[in-house]
């Protein structure tokens, strides 16, 4: 098997409008397509990340809460590459998004930090 690239990442949110605002207005992702599926009472929002990747944002009524704590099994975090981490942090902080202190990856010596989406999903910024 030959895998070419990551096609998409799916996120189920608890409040569609809040998460849509966060991913579009705060993170600046572009809307590809938005669909309301009446039979599921569910929205599906396709978002473009840098023109190469896609995040699918879903809303479902009564979606169960997934446990999230350090080193839990499953998806650990979502990471975005940025050119300048200080500039990205300043922009996020200006939009009232709290970020952790910058850390240095001990293997690559690159700068990175974390913050959370509206459902407390950990998001990492990793400097190019």
Foldseek 3Di string as FASTA:
>chain_A
DDDDDAAEAEDEDADVVQLVCCVCVQVNWAWPDWDQDVVQNKIWTWTDDVNPYIYIYMYGPPDDDDDADPPDPDDPAAEDEDADVVVSQVSNVVVVWDKDDWDADPVPRWIKIWTAGPSRGIYMYTYD
